[in-house]
């Protein structure tokens, strides 16, 4: 099955990455993380199911990661590797800045299976 990523979706992901890294760099915690992949999912929670109106909003899932060799590592725990106020700033700026975002989620799983997509030009 082929999944095509439209220009609009690529722009959403790129804009979110730029905003999140700006928050990290302005707070001085950009070097505390090894990686921070984000996943944009077309899920809009808390919608009225009775009206059956299609969702136009998306959710973002963050997975900050701390590693010394980039082969193994642990998720960046809020309050330990990443201060709570920095995470709150990320959430506030993301959801307030982009109208298409509904919620910012934080993935704390120990293992991660990520499909890497190389996007030309980004």
C-alpha atoms as a PDB file:
ATOM      1  CA  UNK A   1       0.000   0.000   0.000  1.00  0.00           C
ATOM      2  CA  UNK A   2       1.401   3.382  -0.975  1.00  0.00           C
ATOM      3  CA  UNK A   3       0.916   6.395   1.232  1.00  0.00           C
ATOM      4  CA  UNK A   4       1.441   9.747  -0.369  1.00  0.00           C
ATOM      5  CA  UNK A   5       2.350  12.726   1.731  1.00  0.00           C
ATOM      6  CA  UNK A   6       0.903  15.898   0.298  1.00  0.00           C
ATOM      7  CA  UNK A   7       2.662  19.235   0.294  1.00  0.00           C
ATOM      8  CA  UNK A   8       0.216  20.506   2.926  1.00  0.00           C
ATOM      9  CA  UNK A   9       1.033  17.666   5.327  1.00  0.00           C
ATOM     10  CA  UNK A  10       4.785  18.090   4.780  1.00  0.00           C
ATOM     11  CA  UNK A  11       4.413  21.795   5.486  1.00  0.00           C
ATOM     12  CA  UNK A  12       2.512  21.049   8.711  1.00  0.00           C
ATOM     13  CA  UNK A  13       5.239  18.692   9.923  1.00  0.00           C
ATOM     14  CA  UNK A  14       8.028  21.067   8.943  1.00  0.00           C
ATOM     15  CA  UNK A  15       6.357  24.065  10.625  1.00  0.00           C
ATOM     16  CA  UNK A  16       5.816  22.093  13.805  1.00  0.00           C
ATOM     17  CA  UNK A  17       9.439  20.912  13.862  1.00  0.00           C
ATOM     18  CA  UNK A  18      10.707  24.459  13.419  1.00  0.00           C
ATOM     19  CA  UNK A  19       8.490  25.766  16.212  1.00  0.00           C
ATOM     20  CA  UNK A  20       9.444  22.981  18.638  1.00  0.00           C
ATOM     21  CA  UNK A  21      13.171  23.364  17.983  1.00  0.00           C
ATOM     22  CA  UNK A  22      12.864  27.135  18.459  1.00  0.00           C
ATOM     23  CA  UNK A  23      11.343  26.541  21.884  1.00  0.00           C
ATOM     24  CA  UNK A  24      14.093  24.055  22.747  1.00  0.00           C
ATOM     25  CA  UNK A  25      16.920  26.281  21.562  1.00  0.00           C
ATOM     26  CA  UNK A  26      15.569  29.409  23.278  1.00  0.00           C
ATOM     27  CA  UNK A  27      15.265  27.488  26.548  1.00  0.00           C
ATOM     28  CA  UNK A  28      18.824  26.119  26.287  1.00  0.00           C
ATOM     29  CA  UNK A  29      17.759  22.459  26.351  1.00  0.00           C
ATOM     30  CA  UNK A  30      18.366  21.625  22.704  1.00  0.00           C
ATOM     31  CA  UNK A  31      21.518  19.650  23.591  1.00  0.00           C
ATOM     32  CA  UNK A  32      19.767  17.592  26.258  1.00  0.00           C
ATOM     33  CA  UNK A  33      17.961  15.545  23.592  1.00  0.00           C
ATOM     34  CA  UNK A  34      19.502  13.251  21.004  1.00  0.00           C
ATOM     35  CA  UNK A  35      16.468  13.095  18.746  1.00  0.00           C
ATOM     36  CA  UNK A  36      12.918  14.349  18.733  1.00  0.00           C
ATOM     37  CA  UNK A  37      10.883  12.681  16.013  1.00  0.00           C
ATOM     38  CA  UNK A  38       7.329  13.898  15.647  1.00  0.00           C
ATOM     39  CA  UNK A  39       4.362  12.119  14.158  1.00  0.00           C
ATOM     40  CA  UNK A  40       1.406  13.984  12.713  1.00  0.00           C
ATOM     41  CA  UNK A  41      -1.730  11.870  13.042  1.00  0.00           C
ATOM     42  CA  UNK A  42      -5.144  12.710  11.574  1.00  0.00           C
ATOM     43  CA  UNK A  43      -6.909  12.210  14.880  1.00  0.00           C
ATOM     44  CA  UNK A  44      -9.177  14.785  16.475  1.00  0.00           C
ATOM     45  CA  UNK A  45     -10.316  13.662  19.905  1.00  0.00           C
ATOM     46  CA  UNK A  46     -13.432  14.874  21.744  1.00  0.00           C
ATOM     47  CA  UNK A  47     -15.492  15.468  18.623  1.00  0.00           C
ATOM     48  CA  UNK A  48     -19.245  15.157  18.617  1.00  0.00           C
ATOM     49  CA  UNK A  49     -19.800  11.674  17.224  1.00  0.00           C
ATOM     50  CA  UNK A  50     -23.512  12.207  16.658  1.00  0.00           C
ATOM     51  CA  UNK A  51     -23.068  14.995  14.100  1.00  0.00           C
ATOM     52  CA  UNK A  52     -20.547  12.940  12.081  1.00  0.00           C
ATOM     53  CA  UNK A  53     -18.691  16.032  10.925  1.00  0.00           C
ATOM     54  CA  UNK A  54     -15.315  15.027   9.446  1.00  0.00           C
ATOM     55  CA  UNK A  55     -12.266  16.141  11.344  1.00  0.00           C
ATOM     56  CA  UNK A  56     -10.036  18.819   9.873  1.00  0.00           C
ATOM     57  CA  UNK A  57      -7.646  18.883  12.797  1.00  0.00           C
ATOM     58  CA  UNK A  58      -4.633  16.726  13.540  1.00  0.00           C
ATOM     59  CA  UNK A  59      -2.695  15.698  16.593  1.00  0.00           C
ATOM     60  CA  UNK A  60       1.070  15.710  17.023  1.00  0.00           C
ATOM     61  CA  UNK A  61       2.921  13.016  18.934  1.00  0.00           C
ATOM     62  CA  UNK A  62       6.387  13.901  20.253  1.00  0.00           C
ATOM     63  CA  UNK A  63       9.021  11.330  21.114  1.00  0.00           C
ATOM     64  CA  UNK A  64      12.061  13.059  22.596  1.00  0.00           C
ATOM     65  CA  UNK A  65      14.878  10.543  22.898  1.00  0.00           C
ATOM     66  CA  UNK A  66      18.154  10.474  24.827  1.00  0.00           C
ATOM     67  CA  UNK A  67      20.977   8.286  23.512  1.00  0.00           C
ATOM     68  CA  UNK A  68      24.742   8.102  23.531  1.00  0.00           C
ATOM     69  CA  UNK A  69      25.129   5.857  20.483  1.00  0.00           C
ATOM     70  CA  UNK A  70      21.855   6.468  18.564  1.00  0.00           C
ATOM     71  CA  UNK A  71      21.230   2.713  18.579  1.00  0.00           C
ATOM     72  CA  UNK A  72      19.836   2.380  22.084  1.00  0.00           C
ATOM     73  CA  UNK A  73      18.365   4.939  24.392  1.00  0.00           C
ATOM     74  CA  UNK A  74      15.540   6.064  26.585  1.00  0.00           C
ATOM     75  CA  UNK A  75      12.660   8.478  26.181  1.00  0.00           C
ATOM     76  CA  UNK A  76      13.268  11.948  27.592  1.00  0.00           C
ATOM     77  CA  UNK A  77      11.172  12.046  30.743  1.00  0.00           C
ATOM     78  CA  UNK A  78       9.436  15.353  31.534  1.00  0.00           C
ATOM     79  CA  UNK A  79      10.923  16.819  34.690  1.00  0.00           C
ATOM     80  CA  UNK A  80      14.162  14.869  34.299  1.00  0.00           C
ATOM     81  CA  UNK A  81      15.747  15.358  30.869  1.00  0.00           C
ATOM     82  CA  UNK A  82      13.309  18.042  29.812  1.00  0.00           C
ATOM     83  CA  UNK A  83      11.847  20.529  32.324  1.00  0.00           C
ATOM     84  CA  UNK A  84       8.071  20.596  32.677  1.00  0.00           C
ATOM     85  CA  UNK A  85       7.895  24.306  31.804  1.00  0.00           C
ATOM     86  CA  UNK A  86       9.717  23.724  28.498  1.00  0.00           C
ATOM     87  CA  UNK A  87       7.235  20.966  27.608  1.00  0.00           C
ATOM     88  CA  UNK A  88       4.335  23.220  28.582  1.00  0.00           C
ATOM     89  CA  UNK A  89       5.711  25.993  26.394  1.00  0.00           C
ATOM     90  CA  UNK A  90       5.939  23.561  23.472  1.00  0.00           C
ATOM     91  CA  UNK A  91       2.316  22.550  23.933  1.00  0.00           C
ATOM     92  CA  UNK A  92       1.038  26.093  24.376  1.00  0.00           C
ATOM     93  CA  UNK A  93       2.882  27.537  21.394  1.00  0.00           C
ATOM     94  CA  UNK A  94       2.015  24.629  19.106  1.00  0.00           C
ATOM     95  CA  UNK A  95      -1.699  24.451  19.802  1.00  0.00           C
ATOM     96  CA  UNK A  96      -2.154  28.240  19.942  1.00  0.00           C
ATOM     97  CA  UNK A  97      -0.047  28.922  16.837  1.00  0.00           C
ATOM     98  CA  UNK A  98      -1.469  26.355  14.440  1.00  0.00           C
ATOM     99  CA  UNK A  99      -5.237  26.144  14.073  1.00  0.00           C
ATOM    100  CA  UNK A 100      -5.051  22.694  12.480  1.00  0.00           C
ATOM    101  CA  UNK A 101      -3.554  21.177  15.647  1.00  0.00           C
ATOM    102  CA  UNK A 102      -5.868  19.785  18.239  1.00  0.00           C
ATOM    103  CA  UNK A 103      -3.484  18.316  20.796  1.00  0.00           C
ATOM    104  CA  UNK A 104       0.193  17.588  21.375  1.00  0.00           C
ATOM    105  CA  UNK A 105       0.860  14.134  22.796  1.00  0.00           C
ATOM    106  CA  UNK A 106       4.048  12.840  24.400  1.00  0.00           C
ATOM    107  CA  UNK A 107       5.228   9.274  23.742  1.00  0.00           C
ATOM    108  CA  UNK A 108       7.144   7.679  26.637  1.00  0.00           C
ATOM    109  CA  UNK A 109       7.497   4.147  25.304  1.00  0.00           C
ATOM    110  CA  UNK A 110      10.831   2.453  25.831  1.00  0.00           C
ATOM    111  CA  UNK A 111      11.153   1.028  22.353  1.00  0.00           C
ATOM    112  CA  UNK A 112      10.286   2.732  19.157  1.00  0.00           C
ATOM    113  CA  UNK A 113       9.561   1.469  15.705  1.00  0.00           C
ATOM    114  CA  UNK A 114       9.778   4.463  13.417  1.00  0.00           C
ATOM    115  CA  UNK A 115       9.434   4.488   9.662  1.00  0.00           C
ATOM    116  CA  UNK A 116      11.794   7.180   8.436  1.00  0.00           C
ATOM    117  CA  UNK A 117      10.605   9.185   5.485  1.00  0.00           C
ATOM    118  CA  UNK A 118      13.131  11.285   3.608  1.00  0.00           C
ATOM    119  CA  UNK A 119      11.443  14.334   2.177  1.00  0.00           C
ATOM    120  CA  UNK A 120      13.338  16.068  -0.593  1.00  0.00           C
ATOM    121  CA  UNK A 121      13.875  19.750   0.020  1.00  0.00           C
ATOM    122  CA  UNK A 122      13.121  19.732   3.748  1.00  0.00           C
END
